[in-house]
Amino acid sequence: MKFGPVPVAEAEGAILAHSVTAGGRKLRKGLSLLPEHVAQLTEAGVDDVIVARLGPDDSHEDEAARILAAALATDPASANLRVTEAFTGRVNLLADGPGVAVLDVAALERFNQVNPMITVATVPQYQQMGAGGMVATIKIISYAVPKADVLRAVDLAQDAIRLARPLHASAGLVVTDIPGGPPNEKGVAAIRGRIDALGMDLCDVQIVPHETEALAAAISDVGGELVMILTGSATSDLDDVAPAAVGAAGGTVDRFGMPVDPGNLLFLGALGGRSVIGLPGCARSPALNGADWVLSRVACGIETTGADIAAMGVGGLLKEIPTRPQPRAQRKK
């Protein structure tokens, strides 16, 4: 691609690099200059313009963006993505429903190393998405790029972006009640909102006393393809009421505690083929917390191990909590 100023008389067929006002009308950058545009510029007394002129080995920005988007999601429907039309060298990949972004990070990093003018930006790995949310944007920075670089990027990142849709249609919630404890209605509403956002149905809510035996019976009986537990008092130990109830019901707890704040007191286990998520108290609020990360992955059938939860610590400081400054901030004397 050749880029720079040329006399207006020689600009036909080139791409206008910067917007120009001529004869009271604005010719916008990116415009392919036709004979009438050249005449308009000449009549307005414009002597030269800055243009980009493609060579035989170049790919126009829109063409390149379309080719690259088609490589990153070769079958958009099966990847649960919707591909927008190319415009100004940009194509967006949108979520075709609720789900979680699944990325081949290494492939995308290689893609972005081919040519600085060829870029893809995505949401973070396993980011929960709503319908229509932008999962990725492919942007060609210059007006054209070498075709060879486009083909190289295509080879490096085939099907590197997809959306995992929820595999479960329903969930059940068991809430333990403590006299004088937090209001259950607020917590149930916040969790229902999370389940709704995943396109699932909170099909059963049971409220039981904060006792191991009562909770064990409820989590065995509650409906739904996955089970959530919200306790009236924070879970403080693996032998506390909620984890102990999972064991008493014949289930297992694979992980208690996560390095995400808010969300430290989450636990994850299984009972009778169903995942069981012990929610931290912060799940009573609709604000983002570690439970959202685990719930969305489990709902979408993404394996979530203790090691996966441990890895969430980098980037897991979601917000400072002003009402709980210690021990993270030393209070002034």
Protein backbone atom coordinates (compact mmCIF):
# COMPACT_ATOMS: atom_id res chain seq x y z
CA MET A 1 0.00 0.00 0.00
CA LYS A 2 1.22 3.47 -0.87
CA PHE A 3 0.24 6.27 1.49
CA GLY A 4 0.78 9.99 1.16
CA PRO A 5 -0.18 13.20 -0.65
CA VAL A 6 -1.00 13.17 -4.38
CA PRO A 7 -2.32 15.83 -6.76
CA VAL A 8 -6.10 15.75 -6.92
CA ALA A 9 -5.90 15.05 -10.66
CA GLU A 10 -4.15 11.75 -9.87
CA ALA A 11 -6.34 10.71 -6.92
CA GLU A 12 -9.11 8.85 -8.74
CA GLY A 13 -9.49 5.28 -7.43
CA ALA A 14 -7.46 5.96 -4.29
CA ILE A 15 -8.82 5.92 -0.73
CA LEU A 16 -9.15 9.30 0.94
CA ALA A 17 -7.07 9.13 4.12
CA HIS A 18 -8.43 12.26 5.83
CA SER A 19 -11.82 13.94 5.60
CA VAL A 20 -11.92 17.03 3.35
CA THR A 21 -14.61 19.69 2.98
CA ALA A 22 -15.01 20.80 -0.62
CA GLY A 23 -17.76 23.01 -2.00
CA GLY A 24 -19.65 22.92 1.29
CA ARG A 25 -19.78 19.12 1.26
CA LYS A 26 -17.67 16.79 3.36
CA LEU A 27 -15.83 13.91 1.78
CA ARG A 28 -15.17 11.45 4.59
CA LYS A 29 -11.99 9.52 5.13
CA GLY A 30 -12.07 5.99 3.78
CA LEU A 31 -14.00 7.08 0.69
CA SER A 32 -12.87 5.58 -2.63
CA LEU A 33 -12.49 8.64 -4.83
CA LEU A 34 -14.65 8.54 -7.95
CA PRO A 35 -14.47 10.96 -10.90
CA GLU A 36 -17.24 13.11 -9.40
CA HIS A 37 -15.28 13.42 -6.15
CA VAL A 38 -12.18 14.51 -8.05
CA ALA A 39 -14.28 17.10 -9.90
CA GLN A 40 -15.74 18.36 -6.62
CA LEU A 41 -12.27 18.76 -5.10
CA THR A 42 -10.95 20.49 -8.21
CA GLU A 43 -13.86 22.95 -8.31
CA ALA A 44 -13.25 23.74 -4.64
CA GLY A 45 -9.62 24.61 -5.37
CA VAL A 46 -8.10 21.67 -3.52
CA ASP A 47 -4.70 20.96 -5.04
CA ASP A 48 -3.74 17.71 -3.34
CA VAL A 49 -5.09 15.15 -0.90
CA ILE A 50 -3.61 12.42 1.27
CA VAL A 51 -4.62 9.02 0.03
CA ALA A 52 -3.94 5.32 0.36
CA ARG A 53 -3.51 3.33 -2.82
CA LEU A 54 -3.66 -0.45 -2.71
CA GLY A 55 -1.17 -2.63 -4.51
CA PRO A 56 -1.91 -5.98 -6.16
CA ASP A 57 -0.76 -7.86 -3.04
CA ASP A 58 -2.91 -5.84 -0.63
CA SER A 59 -6.27 -6.66 0.94
CA HIS A 60 -8.72 -3.81 1.58
CA GLU A 61 -9.50 -3.24 5.25
CA ASP A 62 -13.11 -4.47 4.99
CA GLU A 63 -12.19 -7.52 2.94
CA ALA A 64 -9.41 -8.41 5.39
CA ALA A 65 -11.70 -7.99 8.39
CA ARG A 66 -14.33 -10.27 6.81
CA ILE A 67 -11.77 -12.97 6.01
CA LEU A 68 -10.29 -12.87 9.50
CA ALA A 69 -13.68 -12.95 11.22
CA ALA A 70 -14.62 -15.96 9.11
CA ALA A 71 -11.46 -17.71 10.30
CA LEU A 72 -11.91 -16.91 13.97
CA ALA A 73 -15.44 -18.39 13.82
CA THR A 74 -15.68 -20.62 10.75
CA ASP A 75 -19.22 -21.69 11.64
CA PRO A 76 -20.77 -18.81 13.61
CA ALA A 77 -24.00 -20.67 14.32
CA SER A 78 -22.25 -23.61 15.97
CA ALA A 79 -20.00 -21.15 17.85
CA ASN A 80 -23.14 -19.35 19.07
CA LEU A 81 -21.94 -16.10 17.53
CA ARG A 82 -23.36 -13.52 15.16
CA VAL A 83 -21.02 -11.75 12.74
CA THR A 84 -21.64 -8.12 11.77
CA GLU A 85 -20.99 -6.59 8.38
CA ALA A 86 -17.54 -5.11 7.81
CA PHE A 87 -17.35 -1.33 8.15
CA THR A 88 -14.25 0.86 8.31
CA GLY A 89 -12.14 -2.25 8.66
CA ARG A 90 -14.09 -3.62 11.61
CA VAL A 91 -16.18 -6.75 12.15
CA ASN A 92 -17.76 -7.61 15.51
CA LEU A 93 -18.56 -11.06 16.88
CA LEU A 94 -21.69 -10.89 19.02
CA ALA A 95 -23.12 -13.41 21.46
CA ASP A 96 -26.15 -15.16 20.00
CA GLY A 97 -27.65 -15.66 23.45
CA PRO A 98 -26.47 -15.91 27.05
CA GLY A 99 -23.32 -17.86 27.77
CA VAL A 100 -19.61 -17.72 28.50
CA ALA A 101 -16.83 -16.67 26.11
CA VAL A 102 -14.36 -19.47 25.42
CA LEU A 103 -11.11 -18.34 23.81
CA ASP A 104 -8.00 -20.00 22.46
CA VAL A 105 -5.77 -17.44 24.14
CA ALA A 106 -2.48 -18.68 22.69
CA ALA A 107 -3.89 -18.63 19.15
CA LEU A 108 -5.25 -15.12 19.59
CA GLU A 109 -1.91 -13.91 20.89
CA ARG A 110 -0.21 -15.35 17.80
CA PHE A 111 -2.86 -13.70 15.61
CA ASN A 112 -2.07 -10.29 17.09
CA GLN A 113 1.66 -10.75 16.45
CA VAL A 114 1.35 -11.17 12.67
CA ASN A 115 1.08 -7.50 11.76
CA PRO A 116 0.38 -4.53 14.07
CA MET A 117 -2.32 -3.43 11.65
CA ILE A 118 -4.22 -6.71 12.13
CA THR A 119 -5.94 -6.84 15.52
CA VAL A 120 -8.53 -8.73 17.48
CA ALA A 121 -9.74 -7.59 20.90
CA THR A 122 -11.90 -9.85 23.06
CA VAL A 123 -13.59 -9.94 26.42
CA PRO A 124 -11.66 -11.88 29.10
CA GLN A 125 -11.60 -15.65 29.02
CA TYR A 126 -14.85 -17.12 30.44
CA GLN A 127 -16.56 -13.72 30.56
CA GLN A 128 -20.32 -14.17 31.00
CA MET A 129 -22.22 -12.69 28.07
CA GLY A 130 -25.78 -11.67 27.40
CA ALA A 131 -27.52 -11.92 24.05
CA GLY A 132 -26.05 -9.36 21.65
CA GLY A 133 -23.01 -8.66 23.79
CA MET A 134 -19.75 -8.08 21.92
CA VAL A 135 -17.42 -11.04 22.40
CA ALA A 136 -14.71 -9.78 20.04
CA THR A 137 -13.95 -7.06 17.53
CA ILE A 138 -11.64 -7.54 14.56
CA LYS A 139 -10.11 -4.26 13.42
CA ILE A 140 -7.75 -3.52 10.54
CA ILE A 141 -6.03 -0.30 11.57
CA SER A 142 -4.68 0.71 8.17
CA TYR A 143 -6.70 1.03 4.96
CA ALA A 144 -5.14 -2.15 3.64
CA VAL A 145 -2.80 -4.93 4.73
CA PRO A 146 -0.72 -7.47 2.81
CA LYS A 147 -2.78 -10.46 1.72
CA ALA A 148 0.00 -12.77 2.87
CA ASP A 149 -0.33 -11.45 6.43
CA VAL A 150 -4.08 -11.96 6.36
CA LEU A 151 -3.62 -15.57 5.28
CA ARG A 152 -0.99 -16.14 7.94
CA ALA A 153 -3.32 -14.81 10.65
CA VAL A 154 -6.10 -17.04 9.28
CA ASP A 155 -3.90 -20.11 9.64
CA LEU A 156 -2.90 -19.25 13.22
CA ALA A 157 -6.32 -18.73 14.78
CA GLN A 158 -8.91 -21.03 13.24
CA ASP A 159 -12.03 -21.20 15.44
CA ALA A 160 -10.30 -19.42 18.31
CA ILE A 161 -13.49 -17.76 19.57
CA ARG A 162 -16.79 -19.31 20.60
CA LEU A 163 -19.59 -18.90 23.10
CA ALA A 164 -20.50 -21.78 25.40
CA ARG A 165 -24.24 -21.72 26.00
CA PRO A 166 -25.77 -23.01 29.26
CA LEU A 167 -26.18 -26.78 29.24
CA HIS A 168 -28.56 -26.75 32.18
CA ALA A 169 -32.11 -25.48 31.86
CA SER A 170 -32.92 -25.16 35.56
CA ALA A 171 -31.49 -24.70 39.03
CA GLY A 172 -32.70 -25.15 42.56
CA LEU A 173 -31.88 -22.99 45.59
CA VAL A 174 -31.90 -23.91 49.26
CA VAL A 175 -31.75 -21.04 51.75
CA THR A 176 -31.04 -21.59 55.43
CA ASP A 177 -32.86 -19.32 57.81
CA ILE A 178 -31.56 -17.92 61.09
CA PRO A 179 -33.86 -15.88 63.35
CA GLY A 180 -32.73 -12.29 63.05
CA GLY A 181 -30.59 -13.11 60.02
CA PRO A 182 -30.53 -11.31 56.67
CA PRO A 183 -33.81 -11.04 54.73
CA ASN A 184 -34.23 -14.03 52.46
CA GLU A 185 -36.32 -12.22 49.83
CA LYS A 186 -33.47 -9.95 48.77
CA GLY A 187 -31.04 -12.83 48.40
CA VAL A 188 -33.47 -14.99 46.46
CA ALA A 189 -34.23 -12.10 44.10
CA ALA A 190 -30.52 -11.50 43.41
CA ILE A 191 -29.91 -15.16 42.67
CA ARG A 192 -33.02 -15.40 40.50
CA GLY A 193 -31.64 -12.50 38.48
CA ARG A 194 -28.39 -14.38 37.93
CA ILE A 195 -30.22 -17.51 36.80
CA ASP A 196 -32.47 -15.50 34.50
CA ALA A 197 -29.41 -13.83 32.93
CA LEU A 198 -28.16 -17.28 31.97
CA GLY A 199 -31.46 -18.15 30.32
CA MET A 200 -32.26 -20.73 32.99
CA ASP A 201 -35.21 -21.27 35.30
CA LEU A 202 -34.94 -21.07 39.08
CA CYS A 203 -37.49 -23.84 39.38
CA ASP A 204 -37.43 -24.54 43.12
CA VAL A 205 -36.63 -22.46 46.20
CA GLN A 206 -36.69 -24.07 49.64
CA ILE A 207 -36.12 -22.30 52.95
CA VAL A 208 -35.05 -24.49 55.87
CA PRO A 209 -33.54 -24.01 59.34
CA HIS A 210 -29.78 -23.49 59.51
CA GLU A 211 -29.15 -27.06 60.61
CA THR A 212 -27.11 -29.81 58.96
CA GLU A 213 -29.85 -32.44 58.96
CA ALA A 214 -32.55 -30.15 57.58
CA LEU A 215 -30.23 -28.78 54.90
CA ALA A 216 -29.05 -32.26 53.87
CA ALA A 217 -32.64 -33.35 53.29
CA ALA A 218 -33.45 -30.21 51.32
CA ILE A 219 -30.51 -30.37 48.93
CA SER A 220 -31.37 -33.97 48.15
CA ASP A 221 -34.99 -33.06 47.49
CA VAL A 222 -34.76 -29.68 45.75
CA GLY A 223 -35.46 -29.57 42.03
CA GLY A 224 -33.19 -28.30 39.30
CA GLU A 225 -30.26 -29.57 37.25
CA LEU A 226 -27.80 -27.84 39.55
CA VAL A 227 -28.14 -26.91 43.22
CA MET A 228 -27.22 -23.71 45.04
CA ILE A 229 -27.08 -23.16 48.79
CA LEU A 230 -27.34 -19.76 50.45
CA THR A 231 -26.80 -19.90 54.20
CA GLY A 232 -28.16 -17.48 56.75
CA SER A 233 -24.74 -17.42 58.42
CA ALA A 234 -21.40 -17.34 56.60
CA THR A 235 -19.67 -20.68 56.04
CA SER A 236 -16.48 -20.55 58.12
CA ASP A 237 -15.02 -24.05 57.80
CA LEU A 238 -15.22 -27.20 55.74
CA ASP A 239 -17.05 -28.80 58.69
CA ASP A 240 -19.57 -25.96 58.94
CA VAL A 241 -23.30 -26.54 58.38
CA ALA A 242 -23.53 -26.26 54.59
CA PRO A 243 -20.46 -28.31 53.54
CA ALA A 244 -21.28 -30.86 56.24
CA ALA A 245 -24.84 -31.14 54.90
CA VAL A 246 -23.53 -31.96 51.42
CA GLY A 247 -21.46 -34.77 52.92
CA ALA A 248 -24.35 -35.99 55.07
CA ALA A 249 -26.52 -36.20 51.96
CA GLY A 250 -23.93 -38.42 50.27
CA GLY A 251 -22.21 -35.73 48.23
CA THR A 252 -18.68 -34.34 48.10
CA VAL A 253 -17.12 -30.92 48.49
CA ASP A 254 -14.24 -30.44 46.06
CA ARG A 255 -13.24 -26.91 47.01
CA PHE A 256 -14.01 -24.58 49.89
CA GLY A 257 -12.76 -20.99 49.64
CA MET A 258 -11.75 -18.97 46.60
CA PRO A 259 -9.18 -16.19 46.08
CA VAL A 260 -11.77 -13.74 44.79
CA ASP A 261 -13.02 -10.82 46.83
CA PRO A 262 -15.98 -10.49 47.21
CA GLY A 263 -16.68 -14.21 47.13
CA ASN A 264 -14.10 -15.85 49.41
CA LEU A 265 -16.56 -18.14 51.18
CA LEU A 266 -17.81 -20.09 48.17
CA PHE A 267 -17.64 -23.87 48.02
CA LEU A 268 -18.15 -26.23 45.10
CA GLY A 269 -19.17 -29.87 45.24
CA ALA A 270 -21.47 -32.49 43.79
CA LEU A 271 -24.40 -34.64 44.85
CA GLY A 272 -26.13 -37.34 42.84
CA GLY A 273 -24.67 -36.20 39.54
CA ARG A 274 -25.60 -32.56 40.15
CA SER A 275 -23.15 -29.73 40.84
CA VAL A 276 -23.65 -28.04 44.20
CA ILE A 277 -22.54 -24.44 44.69
CA GLY A 278 -22.35 -23.06 48.20
CA LEU A 279 -22.84 -19.35 47.65
CA PRO A 280 -21.00 -16.70 49.66
CA GLY A 281 -23.06 -14.13 51.54
CA CYS A 282 -22.20 -11.44 48.97
CA ALA A 283 -24.41 -13.31 46.49
CA ARG A 284 -27.34 -11.67 48.27
CA SER A 285 -26.38 -8.57 46.30
CA PRO A 286 -26.64 -8.39 42.50
CA ALA A 287 -23.13 -6.89 42.37
CA LEU A 288 -20.43 -8.97 40.66
CA ASN A 289 -18.64 -11.45 42.93
CA GLY A 290 -16.71 -14.69 42.67
CA ALA A 291 -19.88 -16.79 42.70
CA ASP A 292 -20.85 -15.30 39.33
CA TRP A 293 -17.66 -16.66 37.77
CA VAL A 294 -18.24 -20.15 39.12
CA LEU A 295 -21.98 -20.26 38.47
CA SER A 296 -21.64 -19.20 34.82
CA ARG A 297 -18.94 -21.80 34.14
CA VAL A 298 -20.82 -24.61 35.83
CA ALA A 299 -24.06 -23.65 34.08
CA CYS A 300 -22.30 -23.79 30.71
CA GLY A 301 -20.69 -27.16 31.34
CA ILE A 302 -17.16 -25.81 31.61
CA GLU A 303 -15.05 -27.96 33.91
CA THR A 304 -14.30 -26.02 37.08
CA THR A 305 -11.75 -27.63 39.36
CA GLY A 306 -10.05 -26.50 42.52
CA ALA A 307 -7.08 -25.49 40.40
CA ASP A 308 -9.36 -23.39 38.17
CA ILE A 309 -10.75 -21.59 41.22
CA ALA A 310 -7.25 -21.04 42.59
CA ALA A 311 -6.25 -19.43 39.28
CA MET A 312 -9.06 -16.89 39.61
CA GLY A 313 -7.03 -14.99 42.19
CA VAL A 314 -5.11 -13.04 39.55
CA GLY A 315 -7.70 -10.44 38.63
CA GLY A 316 -9.90 -11.61 41.48
CA LEU A 317 -9.83 -8.38 43.51
CA LEU A 318 -13.15 -7.15 42.22
CA LYS A 319 -13.66 -4.14 44.47
CA GLU A 320 -12.64 -2.57 47.73
CA ILE A 321 -15.29 -2.72 50.45
CA PRO A 322 -15.38 0.59 52.40
CA THR A 323 -17.28 -0.92 55.31
CA ARG A 324 -14.59 -3.55 55.86
CA PRO A 325 -11.28 -1.67 55.63
CA GLN A 326 -9.22 -3.94 57.85
CA PRO A 327 -6.96 -5.81 57.43
CA ARG A 328 -6.54 -4.62 53.84
CA ALA A 329 -6.08 -0.97 54.82
CA GLN A 330 -4.48 0.25 58.01
CA ARG A 331 -6.83 2.57 59.86
CA LYS A 332 -5.26 5.89 60.85
CA LYS A 333 -4.81 6.44 64.57
